[in-house]
Amino acid sequence: MTQGEDIEDSLEMLEGIRSDESIPRNIRKAAEEASGALRDESLDKVVKVSRALNSLESVIEEPNVPVHARTQIWSVASRLEAATNTG
């Protein structure tokens, strides 16, 4: 999978988190911030991914994250980390 595909897949998954009303608002906000970082054309790809990961890591350990959302967030984080490793 290419870097662009990893980022596009991550954006789709983040959109799913953002639109899921069963996920607490602060978690959806973090997904929105991560998505915004990935879409920011003024940033280098490594910076985009780093900012997105920081947004997600800020909420992943919160106790109010539903199990399905936590799984999605970890999946997004894995894809984004892969995107930085495929150059």
N, C-alpha and C. Protein backbone atom coordinates (compact mmCIF):
# COMPACT_ATOMS: atom_id res chain seq x y z
N MET A 1 0.85 -1.18 0.00
CA MET A 1 0.00 0.00 0.00
C MET A 1 0.90 1.25 0.00
N THR A 2 0.52 2.21 -0.79
CA THR A 2 1.33 3.42 -0.89
C THR A 2 1.00 4.39 0.23
N GLN A 3 1.87 5.37 0.39
CA GLN A 3 1.67 6.38 1.42
C GLN A 3 0.34 7.11 1.21
N GLY A 4 0.04 7.46 -0.01
CA GLY A 4 -1.20 8.16 -0.31
C GLY A 4 -2.42 7.32 0.01
N GLU A 5 -2.34 6.02 -0.29
CA GLU A 5 -3.46 5.13 0.03
C GLU A 5 -3.66 5.00 1.53
N ASP A 6 -2.56 4.91 2.28
CA ASP A 6 -2.65 4.84 3.74
C ASP A 6 -3.33 6.08 4.29
N ILE A 7 -2.97 7.23 3.77
CA ILE A 7 -3.56 8.48 4.25
C ILE A 7 -5.03 8.56 3.86
N GLU A 8 -5.36 8.19 2.63
CA GLU A 8 -6.76 8.22 2.19
C GLU A 8 -7.61 7.26 3.00
N ASP A 9 -7.10 6.06 3.25
CA ASP A 9 -7.83 5.09 4.08
C ASP A 9 -8.01 5.63 5.50
N SER A 10 -6.99 6.28 6.00
CA SER A 10 -7.06 6.86 7.35
C SER A 10 -8.12 7.95 7.40
N LEU A 11 -8.18 8.78 6.37
CA LEU A 11 -9.19 9.84 6.33
C LEU A 11 -10.61 9.25 6.32
N GLU A 12 -10.80 8.17 5.57
CA GLU A 12 -12.11 7.52 5.55
C GLU A 12 -12.48 6.97 6.92
N MET A 13 -11.52 6.35 7.58
CA MET A 13 -11.77 5.79 8.91
C MET A 13 -12.04 6.89 9.92
N LEU A 14 -11.31 7.99 9.82
CA LEU A 14 -11.54 9.12 10.72
C LEU A 14 -12.92 9.71 10.50
N GLU A 15 -13.37 9.75 9.26
CA GLU A 15 -14.71 10.25 8.97
C GLU A 15 -15.77 9.36 9.64
N GLY A 16 -15.53 8.06 9.62
CA GLY A 16 -16.43 7.14 10.29
C GLY A 16 -16.51 7.40 11.79
N ILE A 17 -15.38 7.70 12.39
CA ILE A 17 -15.35 8.02 13.82
C ILE A 17 -16.08 9.33 14.07
N ARG A 18 -15.80 10.32 13.24
CA ARG A 18 -16.41 11.65 13.40
C ARG A 18 -17.93 11.60 13.29
N SER A 19 -18.45 10.71 12.47
CA SER A 19 -19.89 10.68 12.23
C SER A 19 -20.64 9.70 13.14
N ASP A 20 -19.93 8.98 13.98
CA ASP A 20 -20.56 7.99 14.87
C ASP A 20 -21.01 8.67 16.16
N GLU A 21 -22.32 8.83 16.30
CA GLU A 21 -22.89 9.51 17.46
C GLU A 21 -22.71 8.73 18.77
N SER A 22 -22.34 7.45 18.69
CA SER A 22 -22.14 6.66 19.91
C SER A 22 -20.77 6.93 20.52
N ILE A 23 -19.93 7.66 19.81
CA ILE A 23 -18.59 8.00 20.29
C ILE A 23 -18.65 9.36 20.97
N PRO A 24 -18.05 9.48 22.16
CA PRO A 24 -18.08 10.77 22.86
C PRO A 24 -17.52 11.92 22.02
N ARG A 25 -18.04 13.10 22.30
CA ARG A 25 -17.71 14.29 21.53
C ARG A 25 -16.20 14.58 21.50
N ASN A 26 -15.52 14.41 22.62
CA ASN A 26 -14.09 14.73 22.63
C ASN A 26 -13.29 13.79 21.73
N ILE A 27 -13.75 12.55 21.60
CA ILE A 27 -13.07 11.60 20.72
C ILE A 27 -13.33 11.98 19.26
N ARG A 28 -14.57 12.34 18.95
CA ARG A 28 -14.90 12.77 17.59
C ARG A 28 -14.13 14.04 17.24
N LYS A 29 -13.94 14.93 18.22
CA LYS A 29 -13.19 16.17 17.98
C LYS A 29 -11.73 15.84 17.66
N ALA A 30 -11.16 14.88 18.37
CA ALA A 30 -9.77 14.48 18.09
C ALA A 30 -9.66 13.90 16.68
N ALA A 31 -10.67 13.13 16.27
CA ALA A 31 -10.67 12.58 14.91
C ALA A 31 -10.78 13.70 13.88
N GLU A 32 -11.57 14.71 14.19
CA GLU A 32 -11.70 15.85 13.30
C GLU A 32 -10.38 16.62 13.19
N GLU A 33 -9.69 16.80 14.32
CA GLU A 33 -8.40 17.48 14.31
C GLU A 33 -7.37 16.68 13.51
N ALA A 34 -7.38 15.36 13.69
CA ALA A 34 -6.46 14.50 12.95
C ALA A 34 -6.74 14.59 11.45
N SER A 35 -8.00 14.56 11.10
CA SER A 35 -8.39 14.67 9.70
C SER A 35 -7.96 16.01 9.11
N GLY A 36 -8.16 17.07 9.87
CA GLY A 36 -7.75 18.40 9.42
C GLY A 36 -6.26 18.48 9.19
N ALA A 37 -5.49 17.87 10.08
CA ALA A 37 -4.04 17.87 9.92
C ALA A 37 -3.64 17.14 8.64
N LEU A 38 -4.29 16.01 8.38
CA LEU A 38 -3.95 15.23 7.18
C LEU A 38 -4.33 15.94 5.89
N ARG A 39 -5.32 16.81 5.95
CA ARG A 39 -5.78 17.54 4.76
C ARG A 39 -5.04 18.86 4.55
N ASP A 40 -4.23 19.28 5.50
CA ASP A 40 -3.54 20.56 5.43
C ASP A 40 -2.43 20.51 4.37
N GLU A 41 -2.70 21.13 3.23
CA GLU A 41 -1.76 21.10 2.11
C GLU A 41 -0.49 21.93 2.35
N SER A 42 -0.51 22.78 3.35
CA SER A 42 0.65 23.62 3.61
C SER A 42 1.74 22.87 4.39
N LEU A 43 1.43 21.67 4.85
CA LEU A 43 2.37 20.91 5.67
C LEU A 43 3.02 19.78 4.89
N ASP A 44 4.23 19.45 5.27
CA ASP A 44 4.93 18.28 4.75
C ASP A 44 4.19 17.03 5.23
N LYS A 45 4.23 15.95 4.47
CA LYS A 45 3.50 14.73 4.83
C LYS A 45 3.90 14.20 6.20
N VAL A 46 5.15 14.26 6.54
CA VAL A 46 5.60 13.75 7.84
C VAL A 46 5.00 14.59 8.97
N VAL A 47 4.92 15.89 8.77
CA VAL A 47 4.34 16.78 9.77
C VAL A 47 2.84 16.53 9.89
N LYS A 48 2.17 16.33 8.76
CA LYS A 48 0.74 16.02 8.76
C LYS A 48 0.47 14.79 9.61
N VAL A 49 1.21 13.73 9.33
CA VAL A 49 1.01 12.47 10.03
C VAL A 49 1.32 12.62 11.51
N SER A 50 2.39 13.33 11.83
CA SER A 50 2.77 13.55 13.22
C SER A 50 1.67 14.28 13.99
N ARG A 51 1.13 15.32 13.40
CA ARG A 51 0.05 16.08 14.05
C ARG A 51 -1.20 15.22 14.22
N ALA A 52 -1.52 14.44 13.20
CA ALA A 52 -2.69 13.57 13.29
C ALA A 52 -2.50 12.54 14.41
N LEU A 53 -1.34 11.93 14.47
CA LEU A 53 -1.07 10.96 15.51
C LEU A 53 -1.14 11.58 16.90
N ASN A 54 -0.62 12.79 17.04
CA ASN A 54 -0.69 13.47 18.33
C ASN A 54 -2.14 13.70 18.76
N SER A 55 -2.99 14.08 17.82
CA SER A 55 -4.41 14.28 18.14
C SER A 55 -5.05 12.99 18.62
N LEU A 56 -4.74 11.90 17.95
CA LEU A 56 -5.34 10.62 18.31
C LEU A 56 -4.78 10.08 19.62
N GLU A 57 -3.48 10.24 19.81
CA GLU A 57 -2.86 9.74 21.04
C GLU A 57 -3.35 10.48 22.28
N SER A 58 -3.83 11.70 22.08
CA SER A 58 -4.31 12.48 23.22
C SER A 58 -5.59 11.89 23.82
N VAL A 59 -6.31 11.05 23.07
CA VAL A 59 -7.57 10.51 23.57
C VAL A 59 -7.62 8.98 23.66
N ILE A 60 -6.65 8.29 23.11
CA ILE A 60 -6.73 6.84 23.01
C ILE A 60 -6.82 6.15 24.37
N GLU A 61 -6.22 6.69 25.38
CA GLU A 61 -6.22 6.04 26.69
C GLU A 61 -7.36 6.50 27.60
N GLU A 62 -8.21 7.36 27.09
CA GLU A 62 -9.32 7.82 27.91
C GLU A 62 -10.28 6.66 28.19
N PRO A 63 -10.78 6.60 29.40
CA PRO A 63 -11.66 5.47 29.77
C PRO A 63 -13.02 5.49 29.07
N ASN A 64 -13.44 6.64 28.56
CA ASN A 64 -14.76 6.71 27.93
C ASN A 64 -14.75 6.39 26.44
N VAL A 65 -13.63 5.91 25.91
CA VAL A 65 -13.56 5.53 24.49
C VAL A 65 -14.19 4.15 24.34
N PRO A 66 -15.25 4.04 23.54
CA PRO A 66 -15.84 2.72 23.31
C PRO A 66 -14.83 1.79 22.64
N VAL A 67 -14.98 0.50 22.90
CA VAL A 67 -14.03 -0.48 22.38
C VAL A 67 -13.92 -0.40 20.86
N HIS A 68 -15.05 -0.27 20.17
CA HIS A 68 -14.98 -0.23 18.70
C HIS A 68 -14.24 1.01 18.21
N ALA A 69 -14.39 2.12 18.91
CA ALA A 69 -13.69 3.35 18.52
C ALA A 69 -12.19 3.23 18.80
N ARG A 70 -11.86 2.62 19.92
CA ARG A 70 -10.44 2.43 20.26
C ARG A 70 -9.76 1.58 19.18
N THR A 71 -10.46 0.54 18.73
CA THR A 71 -9.92 -0.33 17.68
C THR A 71 -9.72 0.46 16.39
N GLN A 72 -10.68 1.30 16.03
CA GLN A 72 -10.56 2.11 14.82
C GLN A 72 -9.40 3.10 14.94
N ILE A 73 -9.26 3.71 16.11
CA ILE A 73 -8.17 4.69 16.30
C ILE A 73 -6.82 4.00 16.18
N TRP A 74 -6.69 2.82 16.78
CA TRP A 74 -5.42 2.09 16.66
C TRP A 74 -5.14 1.71 15.21
N SER A 75 -6.17 1.35 14.49
CA SER A 75 -6.01 1.00 13.07
C SER A 75 -5.55 2.21 12.26
N VAL A 76 -6.14 3.36 12.52
CA VAL A 76 -5.73 4.59 11.85
C VAL A 76 -4.27 4.89 12.19
N ALA A 77 -3.92 4.80 13.47
CA ALA A 77 -2.55 5.09 13.89
C ALA A 77 -1.56 4.16 13.19
N SER A 78 -1.91 2.89 13.06
CA SER A 78 -1.02 1.93 12.37
C SER A 78 -0.83 2.31 10.91
N ARG A 79 -1.92 2.69 10.25
CA ARG A 79 -1.83 3.08 8.84
C ARG A 79 -0.97 4.34 8.68
N LEU A 80 -1.16 5.28 9.59
CA LEU A 80 -0.39 6.52 9.50
C LEU A 80 1.09 6.25 9.76
N GLU A 81 1.38 5.41 10.71
CA GLU A 81 2.79 5.06 10.95
C GLU A 81 3.39 4.37 9.73
N ALA A 82 2.61 3.51 9.09
CA ALA A 82 3.07 2.85 7.87
C ALA A 82 3.31 3.87 6.76
N ALA A 83 2.46 4.90 6.72
CA ALA A 83 2.63 5.93 5.68
C ALA A 83 3.95 6.66 5.83
N THR A 84 4.40 6.87 7.06
CA THR A 84 5.67 7.57 7.26
C THR A 84 6.85 6.65 6.95
N ASN A 85 6.65 5.34 7.02
CA ASN A 85 7.73 4.41 6.77
C ASN A 85 7.86 4.03 5.29
N THR A 86 6.83 4.33 4.48
CA THR A 86 6.91 3.97 3.06
C THR A 86 7.40 5.13 2.19
N GLY A 87 7.62 6.29 2.85
CA GLY A 87 8.21 7.42 2.20
C GLY A 87 7.49 7.95 1.06
